[in-house]
N, C-alpha and C. Protein backbone atom coordinates (compact mmCIF):
# COMPACT_ATOMS: atom_id res chain seq x y z
N MET A 1 0.88 -1.12 -0.05
CA MET A 1 -0.03 0.07 -0.05
C MET A 1 0.93 1.22 -0.03
N ALA A 2 0.45 2.23 -0.77
CA ALA A 2 1.21 3.51 -0.88
C ALA A 2 1.21 4.39 0.51
N LYS A 3 2.28 4.87 0.76
CA LYS A 3 2.35 5.75 1.84
C LYS A 3 1.58 7.05 1.70
N GLY A 4 0.82 7.48 2.55
CA GLY A 4 0.21 8.78 2.37
C GLY A 4 1.01 10.01 2.68
N ALA A 5 0.40 11.19 2.49
CA ALA A 5 1.13 12.44 2.92
C ALA A 5 1.19 12.52 4.37
N THR A 6 2.17 13.12 4.95
CA THR A 6 2.47 13.49 6.22
C THR A 6 1.73 14.89 6.41
N ILE A 7 0.88 15.14 7.34
CA ILE A 7 0.23 16.46 7.54
C ILE A 7 0.84 17.04 8.82
N TYR A 8 1.17 18.33 8.52
CA TYR A 8 1.81 19.27 9.76
C TYR A 8 0.80 20.30 9.95
N ARG A 9 0.61 20.45 11.22
CA ARG A 9 -0.27 21.67 11.70
C ARG A 9 0.66 22.84 11.89
N ALA A 10 0.52 23.88 11.21
CA ALA A 10 1.23 25.07 11.35
C ALA A 10 0.61 26.31 11.93
N HIS A 11 1.18 26.97 12.73
CA HIS A 11 0.77 28.29 13.46
C HIS A 11 1.89 29.23 13.12
N LEU A 12 1.56 30.24 12.28
CA LEU A 12 2.59 31.16 11.84
C LEU A 12 2.09 32.63 12.34
N GLU A 13 3.05 33.18 13.11
CA GLU A 13 2.75 34.64 13.41
C GLU A 13 3.76 35.43 12.64
N LEU A 14 3.08 36.27 11.68
CA LEU A 14 3.92 36.86 10.50
C LEU A 14 3.88 38.34 10.83
N SER A 15 5.01 38.91 10.77
CA SER A 15 5.22 40.45 10.71
C SER A 15 6.12 40.68 9.58
N HIS A 16 5.62 40.95 8.30
CA HIS A 16 6.27 41.25 7.21
C HIS A 16 6.39 42.77 6.99
N VAL A 17 7.42 43.37 7.76
CA VAL A 17 7.46 44.92 7.82
C VAL A 17 7.71 45.54 6.45
N ASP A 18 8.42 44.77 5.62
CA ASP A 18 8.75 45.43 4.26
C ASP A 18 7.49 45.43 3.41
N ARG A 19 6.52 44.55 3.61
CA ARG A 19 5.38 44.48 2.73
C ARG A 19 4.12 45.01 3.60
N ASP A 20 4.38 45.48 4.81
CA ASP A 20 3.25 45.82 5.67
C ASP A 20 2.16 44.83 5.82
N VAL A 21 2.45 43.61 6.00
CA VAL A 21 1.68 42.48 6.20
C VAL A 21 1.96 41.86 7.40
N TYR A 22 0.84 41.79 8.33
CA TYR A 22 0.69 41.19 9.78
C TYR A 22 -0.42 40.34 9.80
N ALA A 23 -0.08 39.07 10.31
CA ALA A 23 -1.33 37.97 10.25
C ALA A 23 -0.73 37.13 11.27
N ASP A 24 -1.86 36.29 11.97
CA ASP A 24 -1.71 35.26 12.79
C ASP A 24 -2.57 34.14 12.15
N LEU A 25 -1.72 33.12 11.60
CA LEU A 25 -2.29 32.12 10.50
C LEU A 25 -2.24 30.78 11.09
N GLN A 26 -3.29 29.95 11.00
CA GLN A 26 -3.17 28.48 11.40
C GLN A 26 -3.66 27.70 10.23
N PHE A 27 -2.97 26.67 9.83
CA PHE A 27 -3.30 26.00 8.63
C PHE A 27 -2.50 24.61 8.68
N SER A 28 -2.88 23.61 7.63
CA SER A 28 -2.28 22.35 7.74
C SER A 28 -1.35 22.39 6.33
N LEU A 29 -0.31 21.68 6.39
CA LEU A 29 0.65 21.56 5.39
C LEU A 29 0.88 20.19 4.98
N ALA A 30 0.67 19.61 3.86
CA ALA A 30 0.73 18.25 3.44
C ALA A 30 2.25 18.08 2.90
N ARG A 31 2.89 17.12 3.40
CA ARG A 31 4.22 16.74 2.70
C ARG A 31 4.09 15.47 2.02
N HIS A 32 4.24 15.43 0.80
CA HIS A 32 4.24 14.32 -0.10
C HIS A 32 5.09 13.34 0.32
N PRO A 33 5.00 11.96 0.20
CA PRO A 33 6.03 10.93 0.69
C PRO A 33 7.38 11.16 0.08
N SER A 34 7.57 11.48 -1.10
CA SER A 34 8.75 11.83 -1.72
C SER A 34 9.41 13.15 -1.49
N GLU A 35 8.72 13.96 -0.72
CA GLU A 35 9.35 15.31 -0.45
C GLU A 35 10.02 15.31 0.70
N THR A 36 11.13 16.01 0.71
CA THR A 36 12.02 16.06 1.93
C THR A 36 11.49 17.19 2.84
N ILE A 37 11.91 16.97 4.08
CA ILE A 37 11.39 17.87 5.03
C ILE A 37 11.97 19.47 4.73
N GLU A 38 13.18 19.51 4.17
CA GLU A 38 13.70 20.69 3.69
C GLU A 38 12.78 21.41 2.76
N ARG A 39 12.26 20.70 1.79
CA ARG A 39 11.50 21.29 0.71
C ARG A 39 10.21 21.72 1.35
N ALA A 40 9.57 20.93 2.25
CA ALA A 40 8.30 21.39 2.88
C ALA A 40 8.60 22.72 3.69
N ILE A 41 9.77 22.67 4.39
CA ILE A 41 10.13 23.95 5.00
C ILE A 41 10.16 25.14 4.17
N VAL A 42 10.67 24.98 3.03
CA VAL A 42 10.74 26.01 2.12
C VAL A 42 9.60 26.48 1.63
N ARG A 43 8.58 25.60 1.34
CA ARG A 43 7.15 25.96 0.95
C ARG A 43 6.54 26.74 2.00
N LEU A 44 6.88 26.33 3.26
CA LEU A 44 6.19 27.18 4.33
C LEU A 44 6.80 28.56 4.53
N LEU A 45 8.13 28.62 4.29
CA LEU A 45 8.81 29.88 4.20
C LEU A 45 8.32 30.80 3.25
N ALA A 46 8.12 30.25 1.98
CA ALA A 46 7.64 30.85 0.81
C ALA A 46 6.15 31.45 1.19
N PHE A 47 5.32 30.66 1.78
CA PHE A 47 3.98 31.09 2.10
C PHE A 47 4.05 32.29 3.06
N GLY A 48 4.97 32.34 4.12
CA GLY A 48 4.94 33.48 4.95
C GLY A 48 5.73 34.57 4.18
N LEU A 49 6.62 34.45 3.41
CA LEU A 49 7.19 35.62 2.74
C LEU A 49 6.26 36.18 1.66
N ARG A 50 5.50 35.50 1.05
CA ARG A 50 4.45 35.97 0.00
C ARG A 50 3.18 35.94 0.49
N TYR A 51 2.74 35.88 1.77
CA TYR A 51 1.35 35.78 2.27
C TYR A 51 0.50 36.94 1.79
N ARG A 52 -0.60 36.67 1.42
CA ARG A 52 -1.87 37.52 1.22
C ARG A 52 -3.02 36.65 1.08
N ASP A 53 -4.25 37.37 1.35
CA ASP A 53 -5.46 36.52 1.34
C ASP A 53 -5.54 35.80 -0.03
N GLY A 54 -6.05 34.61 0.01
CA GLY A 54 -6.08 33.72 -1.16
C GLY A 54 -4.85 33.00 -1.61
N LEU A 55 -3.64 33.33 -1.06
CA LEU A 55 -2.52 32.34 -1.32
C LEU A 55 -2.73 31.07 -0.86
N GLU A 56 -2.49 30.04 -1.69
CA GLU A 56 -2.79 28.64 -1.38
C GLU A 56 -1.74 27.74 -1.92
N PHE A 57 -1.57 26.57 -1.24
CA PHE A 57 -0.51 25.53 -1.67
C PHE A 57 -1.02 24.78 -2.79
N GLY A 58 -0.21 24.37 -3.78
CA GLY A 58 -0.61 23.60 -4.93
C GLY A 58 -0.94 22.15 -4.38
N ARG A 59 -1.33 21.19 -5.35
CA ARG A 59 -1.65 20.00 -4.87
C ARG A 59 -0.47 19.04 -4.62
N GLY A 60 0.76 19.54 -4.88
CA GLY A 60 1.99 18.75 -4.52
C GLY A 60 2.74 18.22 -5.71
N LEU A 61 3.65 17.49 -5.31
CA LEU A 61 4.78 16.99 -6.33
C LEU A 61 4.08 16.32 -7.41
N SER A 62 3.03 15.45 -7.10
CA SER A 62 2.48 14.62 -8.12
C SER A 62 1.65 15.28 -9.26
N THR A 63 1.40 16.57 -9.08
CA THR A 63 0.69 17.42 -9.85
C THR A 63 1.58 18.33 -10.80
N LYS A 64 1.92 17.96 -11.83
CA LYS A 64 2.92 18.86 -12.66
C LYS A 64 2.47 20.03 -13.14
N ASP A 65 1.15 20.22 -13.44
CA ASP A 65 0.65 21.57 -13.94
C ASP A 65 0.36 22.65 -12.86
N GLU A 66 0.70 22.27 -11.75
CA GLU A 66 0.47 23.35 -10.53
C GLU A 66 1.69 23.78 -9.95
N PRO A 67 1.66 24.97 -9.42
CA PRO A 67 3.00 25.37 -8.66
C PRO A 67 2.97 24.87 -7.23
N ASP A 68 3.99 25.24 -6.54
CA ASP A 68 4.02 24.95 -5.07
C ASP A 68 2.98 25.71 -4.30
N LEU A 69 2.97 26.93 -4.70
CA LEU A 69 1.88 27.87 -4.17
C LEU A 69 1.41 28.81 -5.20
N TRP A 70 0.20 29.40 -5.07
CA TRP A 70 -0.35 30.22 -6.05
C TRP A 70 -1.41 31.21 -5.50
N HIS A 71 -1.52 32.17 -6.03
CA HIS A 71 -2.75 33.11 -5.88
C HIS A 71 -3.51 33.23 -7.26
N ARG A 72 -4.76 32.92 -7.22
CA ARG A 72 -5.65 33.16 -8.23
C ARG A 72 -6.62 34.23 -7.97
N GLU A 73 -6.79 35.01 -9.15
CA GLU A 73 -7.97 36.03 -9.18
C GLU A 73 -9.33 35.29 -9.24
N GLY A 74 -10.31 36.05 -8.90
CA GLY A 74 -11.70 35.54 -8.88
C GLY A 74 -12.11 35.02 -10.45
N ASP A 75 -11.57 35.50 -11.37
CA ASP A 75 -11.76 34.86 -12.71
C ASP A 75 -10.96 33.90 -13.06
N GLY A 76 -10.12 33.24 -12.18
CA GLY A 76 -9.17 32.12 -12.44
C GLY A 76 -7.87 32.43 -12.81
N ARG A 77 -7.51 33.59 -13.29
CA ARG A 77 -6.30 33.92 -13.63
C ARG A 77 -5.18 33.86 -12.64
N VAL A 78 -4.02 33.55 -12.90
CA VAL A 78 -2.97 33.08 -11.79
C VAL A 78 -2.21 34.56 -11.59
N SER A 79 -2.34 35.19 -10.48
CA SER A 79 -1.71 36.34 -10.33
C SER A 79 -0.22 36.24 -9.82
N GLU A 80 0.07 35.20 -9.08
CA GLU A 80 1.33 34.84 -8.54
C GLU A 80 1.47 33.32 -8.56
N TRP A 81 2.54 32.89 -9.18
CA TRP A 81 3.03 31.37 -9.42
C TRP A 81 4.27 31.26 -8.51
N ILE A 82 4.36 30.46 -7.65
CA ILE A 82 5.37 30.26 -6.78
C ILE A 82 6.14 28.76 -6.83
N GLU A 83 7.33 28.70 -7.21
CA GLU A 83 8.04 27.42 -7.24
C GLU A 83 8.97 27.38 -6.08
N VAL A 84 9.36 26.16 -5.70
CA VAL A 84 10.58 26.06 -4.83
C VAL A 84 11.42 25.11 -5.35
N GLY A 85 12.79 25.15 -5.03
CA GLY A 85 13.74 24.19 -5.38
C GLY A 85 14.62 24.70 -6.56
N GLN A 86 14.76 23.64 -7.46
CA GLN A 86 15.76 24.05 -8.70
C GLN A 86 14.85 23.39 -9.97
N PRO A 87 13.71 24.12 -10.33
CA PRO A 87 12.96 23.58 -11.55
C PRO A 87 13.86 23.85 -12.98
N ASP A 88 13.43 23.23 -13.80
CA ASP A 88 14.04 23.39 -15.27
C ASP A 88 13.55 24.78 -15.69
N SER A 89 14.40 25.47 -16.53
CA SER A 89 14.12 26.72 -16.85
C SER A 89 12.93 26.77 -17.92
N LYS A 90 12.73 25.55 -18.49
CA LYS A 90 11.47 25.73 -19.40
C LYS A 90 10.25 25.76 -18.51
N ARG A 91 10.18 25.24 -17.32
CA ARG A 91 9.06 25.28 -16.40
C ARG A 91 8.93 26.70 -16.03
N LEU A 92 9.99 27.37 -15.70
CA LEU A 92 9.87 28.72 -14.99
C LEU A 92 9.30 29.64 -16.29
N ILE A 93 9.76 29.39 -17.48
CA ILE A 93 9.28 30.26 -18.63
C ILE A 93 7.73 30.09 -18.88
N LYS A 94 7.30 28.77 -18.77
CA LYS A 94 6.03 28.44 -18.90
C LYS A 94 5.02 29.09 -17.83
N ALA A 95 5.57 28.99 -16.58
CA ALA A 95 4.92 29.53 -15.51
C ALA A 95 4.79 31.04 -15.61
N SER A 96 5.94 31.66 -16.19
CA SER A 96 5.89 33.14 -16.40
C SER A 96 4.87 33.51 -17.32
N ARG A 97 4.66 32.73 -18.28
CA ARG A 97 3.63 32.97 -19.31
C ARG A 97 2.18 32.81 -18.81
N GLN A 98 2.05 31.97 -17.80
CA GLN A 98 0.79 31.56 -17.36
C GLN A 98 0.26 32.37 -16.04
N SER A 99 1.12 33.29 -15.78
CA SER A 99 0.91 34.18 -14.39
C SER A 99 1.29 35.67 -14.69
N THR A 100 0.77 36.47 -13.73
CA THR A 100 1.20 37.95 -13.84
C THR A 100 2.54 37.91 -13.25
N ARG A 101 2.90 37.12 -12.09
CA ARG A 101 4.28 37.18 -11.51
C ARG A 101 4.65 35.86 -11.23
N CYS A 102 5.81 35.36 -11.48
CA CYS A 102 6.39 34.05 -11.20
C CYS A 102 7.54 34.32 -10.33
N LEU A 103 7.59 33.45 -9.06
CA LEU A 103 8.72 33.66 -8.24
C LEU A 103 9.34 32.17 -7.92
N LEU A 104 10.57 32.28 -7.68
CA LEU A 104 11.22 30.94 -7.28
C LEU A 104 12.03 31.11 -6.19
N PHE A 105 11.77 30.37 -5.07
CA PHE A 105 12.70 30.18 -3.80
C PHE A 105 13.64 29.04 -3.98
N ALA A 106 14.84 29.39 -4.56
CA ALA A 106 15.89 28.40 -4.93
C ALA A 106 16.63 27.86 -3.73
N PHE A 107 16.92 26.57 -3.47
CA PHE A 107 17.74 26.16 -2.45
C PHE A 107 18.32 24.75 -2.77
N GLY A 108 19.11 24.43 -1.93
CA GLY A 108 19.53 22.97 -1.96
C GLY A 108 20.99 22.85 -2.53
N GLU A 109 21.48 21.49 -2.29
CA GLU A 109 22.78 21.25 -2.72
C GLU A 109 22.96 21.55 -4.34
N GLY A 110 23.92 22.12 -4.73
CA GLY A 110 24.19 22.30 -6.19
C GLY A 110 23.32 23.66 -6.68
N VAL A 111 22.82 24.48 -5.91
CA VAL A 111 22.04 25.48 -6.31
C VAL A 111 22.83 26.52 -7.19
N HIS A 112 24.11 26.70 -6.94
CA HIS A 112 24.88 27.65 -7.65
C HIS A 112 25.12 27.05 -9.13
N ARG A 113 25.42 25.73 -9.12
CA ARG A 113 25.39 25.06 -10.50
C ARG A 113 24.26 25.11 -11.25
N TRP A 114 22.88 24.95 -10.57
CA TRP A 114 21.77 24.97 -11.18
C TRP A 114 21.56 26.44 -11.71
N ARG A 115 22.00 27.35 -10.99
CA ARG A 115 21.82 28.90 -11.47
C ARG A 115 22.59 29.05 -12.76
N LYS A 116 23.76 28.52 -12.71
CA LYS A 116 24.63 28.73 -14.10
C LYS A 116 24.07 27.92 -15.17
N ALA A 117 23.54 26.65 -14.91
CA ALA A 117 23.10 25.95 -15.99
C ALA A 117 21.61 26.39 -16.67
N GLN A 118 20.85 26.91 -15.62
CA GLN A 118 19.40 27.12 -15.87
C GLN A 118 19.24 28.75 -16.18
N LEU A 119 19.71 29.40 -15.31
CA LEU A 119 19.32 30.92 -15.42
C LEU A 119 20.32 31.63 -16.34
N GLU A 120 21.49 31.36 -16.37
CA GLU A 120 22.55 32.00 -17.28
C GLU A 120 22.31 31.50 -18.68
N GLY A 121 22.07 32.55 -19.53
CA GLY A 121 21.84 32.14 -21.00
C GLY A 121 20.25 32.07 -21.19
N MET A 122 19.37 32.11 -20.11
CA MET A 122 18.09 32.03 -20.35
C MET A 122 17.49 33.32 -20.64
N ASN A 123 16.46 33.37 -21.58
CA ASN A 123 15.79 34.55 -21.93
C ASN A 123 14.82 35.03 -20.86
N ILE A 124 15.35 35.69 -19.91
CA ILE A 124 14.63 35.96 -18.57
C ILE A 124 13.40 36.68 -18.92
N PRO A 125 12.23 36.26 -18.41
CA PRO A 125 11.01 36.85 -18.28
C PRO A 125 10.96 38.00 -17.44
N GLU A 126 10.29 39.15 -17.83
CA GLU A 126 10.29 40.37 -17.03
C GLU A 126 9.64 40.07 -15.73
N ASN A 127 8.68 39.15 -15.61
CA ASN A 127 7.93 38.83 -14.40
C ASN A 127 8.42 37.88 -13.53
N LEU A 128 9.73 37.47 -13.80
CA LEU A 128 10.32 36.36 -12.95
C LEU A 128 11.35 37.08 -11.87
N GLY A 129 10.98 36.45 -10.62
CA GLY A 129 11.83 36.93 -9.59
C GLY A 129 12.41 35.58 -8.91
N VAL A 130 13.71 35.69 -8.59
CA VAL A 130 14.42 34.57 -7.92
C VAL A 130 15.19 34.87 -6.72
N VAL A 131 14.98 34.10 -5.70
CA VAL A 131 15.67 34.39 -4.48
C VAL A 131 16.36 33.10 -4.14
N CYS A 132 17.64 33.02 -3.52
CA CYS A 132 18.27 32.00 -3.06
C CYS A 132 18.27 31.76 -1.43
N LEU A 133 17.77 30.79 -0.95
CA LEU A 133 17.63 30.63 0.63
C LEU A 133 18.99 29.74 1.09
N ASP A 134 19.61 30.32 2.07
CA ASP A 134 20.70 29.54 2.72
C ASP A 134 20.53 28.23 3.16
N ASP A 135 21.26 27.14 2.76
CA ASP A 135 20.97 25.89 3.14
C ASP A 135 21.13 25.48 4.59
N SER A 136 22.11 26.33 5.34
CA SER A 136 22.23 26.00 6.63
C SER A 136 20.88 26.52 7.42
N PHE A 137 20.44 27.66 7.03
CA PHE A 137 19.04 28.22 7.50
C PHE A 137 18.06 27.20 7.44
N ILE A 138 17.92 26.61 6.11
CA ILE A 138 16.86 25.70 5.95
C ILE A 138 17.09 24.24 6.77
N ARG A 139 18.42 23.91 6.91
CA ARG A 139 18.60 22.60 7.66
C ARG A 139 18.36 22.87 9.00
N SER A 140 18.69 24.01 9.59
CA SER A 140 18.35 24.42 10.87
C SER A 140 16.83 24.40 11.25
N LEU A 141 16.22 24.94 10.39
CA LEU A 141 14.57 25.02 10.63
C LEU A 141 14.09 23.46 10.50
N ALA A 142 14.68 22.71 9.46
CA ALA A 142 14.06 21.39 9.46
C ALA A 142 14.44 20.43 10.67
N ALA A 143 15.59 20.69 11.21
CA ALA A 143 16.02 20.01 12.43
C ALA A 143 14.94 20.27 13.56
N GLU A 144 14.42 21.31 13.51
CA GLU A 144 13.47 21.74 14.70
C GLU A 144 12.01 21.45 14.39
N ALA A 145 11.77 20.93 13.27
CA ALA A 145 10.47 20.60 12.71
C ALA A 145 9.82 19.44 13.38
N ASP A 146 8.52 19.54 13.89
CA ASP A 146 7.79 18.36 14.09
C ASP A 146 6.43 18.43 13.61
N ARG A 147 5.49 17.67 13.99
CA ARG A 147 4.20 17.72 13.30
C ARG A 147 3.44 19.03 13.74
N GLN A 148 3.71 19.54 14.70
CA GLN A 148 3.25 20.94 15.04
C GLN A 148 4.18 21.89 15.06
N ILE A 149 4.20 22.74 13.98
CA ILE A 149 5.19 23.77 13.60
C ILE A 149 4.45 25.12 14.16
N ARG A 150 5.24 25.82 14.96
CA ARG A 150 4.87 27.15 15.51
C ARG A 150 6.08 27.91 15.24
N TRP A 151 5.69 28.92 14.38
CA TRP A 151 6.86 29.92 13.98
C TRP A 151 6.26 31.33 14.25
N SER A 152 7.25 32.25 14.74
CA SER A 152 7.11 33.61 14.70
C SER A 152 8.15 34.16 13.74
N MET A 153 7.67 34.83 12.65
CA MET A 153 8.52 35.16 11.61
C MET A 153 8.19 36.70 11.27
N THR A 154 9.55 37.36 11.36
CA THR A 154 9.53 38.76 10.97
C THR A 154 10.45 39.02 10.01
N VAL A 155 10.12 39.80 8.96
CA VAL A 155 10.87 40.18 7.79
C VAL A 155 11.04 41.70 7.94
N ALA A 156 12.28 42.18 7.85
CA ALA A 156 12.36 43.52 7.87
C ALA A 156 13.79 43.81 7.13
N GLU A 157 13.70 44.70 6.30
CA GLU A 157 14.90 45.19 5.48
C GLU A 157 15.56 43.90 4.76
N GLY A 158 14.80 42.98 4.26
CA GLY A 158 15.24 41.97 3.61
C GLY A 158 15.86 40.70 4.37
N THR A 159 15.75 40.79 5.65
CA THR A 159 16.20 39.85 6.62
C THR A 159 15.10 39.15 7.28
N ILE A 160 15.25 37.78 7.36
CA ILE A 160 14.24 36.90 7.96
C ILE A 160 14.67 36.62 9.40
N PHE A 161 13.74 36.90 10.46
CA PHE A 161 14.15 36.55 11.77
C PHE A 161 13.11 35.48 12.06
N LEU A 162 13.39 34.28 12.50
CA LEU A 162 12.42 33.30 12.70
C LEU A 162 12.58 32.61 14.07
N THR A 163 11.64 32.55 14.96
CA THR A 163 11.79 31.86 16.20
C THR A 163 10.79 30.65 16.16
N THR A 164 11.44 29.51 16.52
CA THR A 164 10.61 28.34 16.78
C THR A 164 11.03 27.66 18.04
N GLY A 165 10.08 27.40 18.89
CA GLY A 165 10.39 26.97 20.27
C GLY A 165 11.20 28.05 21.00
N ASP A 166 12.31 27.55 21.46
CA ASP A 166 13.16 28.62 22.27
C ASP A 166 14.43 29.11 21.40
N LYS A 167 14.40 28.80 20.10
CA LYS A 167 15.46 29.04 19.18
C LYS A 167 15.10 30.21 18.07
N THR A 168 16.05 31.07 17.81
CA THR A 168 15.72 32.05 16.86
C THR A 168 16.93 31.88 15.72
N PHE A 169 16.35 32.04 14.58
CA PHE A 169 17.17 31.87 13.37
C PHE A 169 17.17 33.16 12.59
N GLU A 170 18.34 33.51 11.85
CA GLU A 170 18.27 34.74 10.98
C GLU A 170 18.94 34.38 9.61
N THR A 171 18.53 34.96 8.65
CA THR A 171 19.00 34.86 7.38
C THR A 171 18.76 36.07 6.39
N SER A 172 19.58 36.31 5.51
CA SER A 172 19.40 37.47 4.40
C SER A 172 19.32 36.69 3.12
N PRO A 173 18.18 36.47 2.64
CA PRO A 173 18.21 35.67 1.29
C PRO A 173 18.89 36.50 0.22
N GLU A 174 19.57 35.79 -0.69
CA GLU A 174 20.34 36.37 -1.81
C GLU A 174 19.33 36.69 -3.06
N ILE A 175 19.01 37.79 -3.37
CA ILE A 175 18.14 38.03 -4.47
C ILE A 175 18.97 37.89 -5.88
N TRP A 176 18.45 36.91 -6.70
CA TRP A 176 19.20 36.72 -7.96
C TRP A 176 18.31 37.52 -9.10
N LEU A 177 17.12 37.62 -9.09
CA LEU A 177 16.39 38.30 -10.03
C LEU A 177 15.19 38.95 -9.39
N GLY A 178 14.80 40.24 -9.95
CA GLY A 178 13.59 40.99 -9.58
C GLY A 178 13.59 41.25 -8.15
N ASP A 179 12.43 41.22 -7.56
CA ASP A 179 12.10 41.70 -6.21
C ASP A 179 11.14 40.56 -5.67
N PRO A 180 11.65 39.34 -5.36
CA PRO A 180 10.79 38.27 -4.87
C PRO A 180 10.19 38.47 -3.46
N LEU A 181 10.92 39.33 -2.67
CA LEU A 181 10.36 39.48 -1.37
C LEU A 181 9.70 40.71 -1.22
N GLY A 182 9.51 41.56 -2.22
CA GLY A 182 8.59 42.75 -2.11
C GLY A 182 7.36 42.64 -2.58
């Protein structure tokens, strides 16, 4: 029998000073059986960094035609398509064509090689934004994660301050294209 998704209960206290977004959110996050905890953590981070009413998680890794997160307008148009990881440049171009704004939260081993292979030489769409998240920051958050995730996240002047339990972590993501945090 196939293993089902692991469900995480998340409570996110968000203060995104740079975007003037403040929220106290509770929701569930499903982690696909083939998804690493680090990737799930990055999806959760992307949710907090891009939060606005109507932002939702895609159906997961097994659904190739959907992003990791997205925001759709009332008429069904995709206003924001959000990917995490190291997708193929063709996927990013397609996503950029299907949305008003396409964002990538890149991370993981080999991310700088990925950048060289996929972004350099690519005809970059104007609506594409790319940010690189620090692997040690992601690994630290993943090590603290359990099925009940409680984060207090503040974003100010491009720096993320995140408290979980009695530990606080800080990182300044590296902006590669556009303004993905704004």
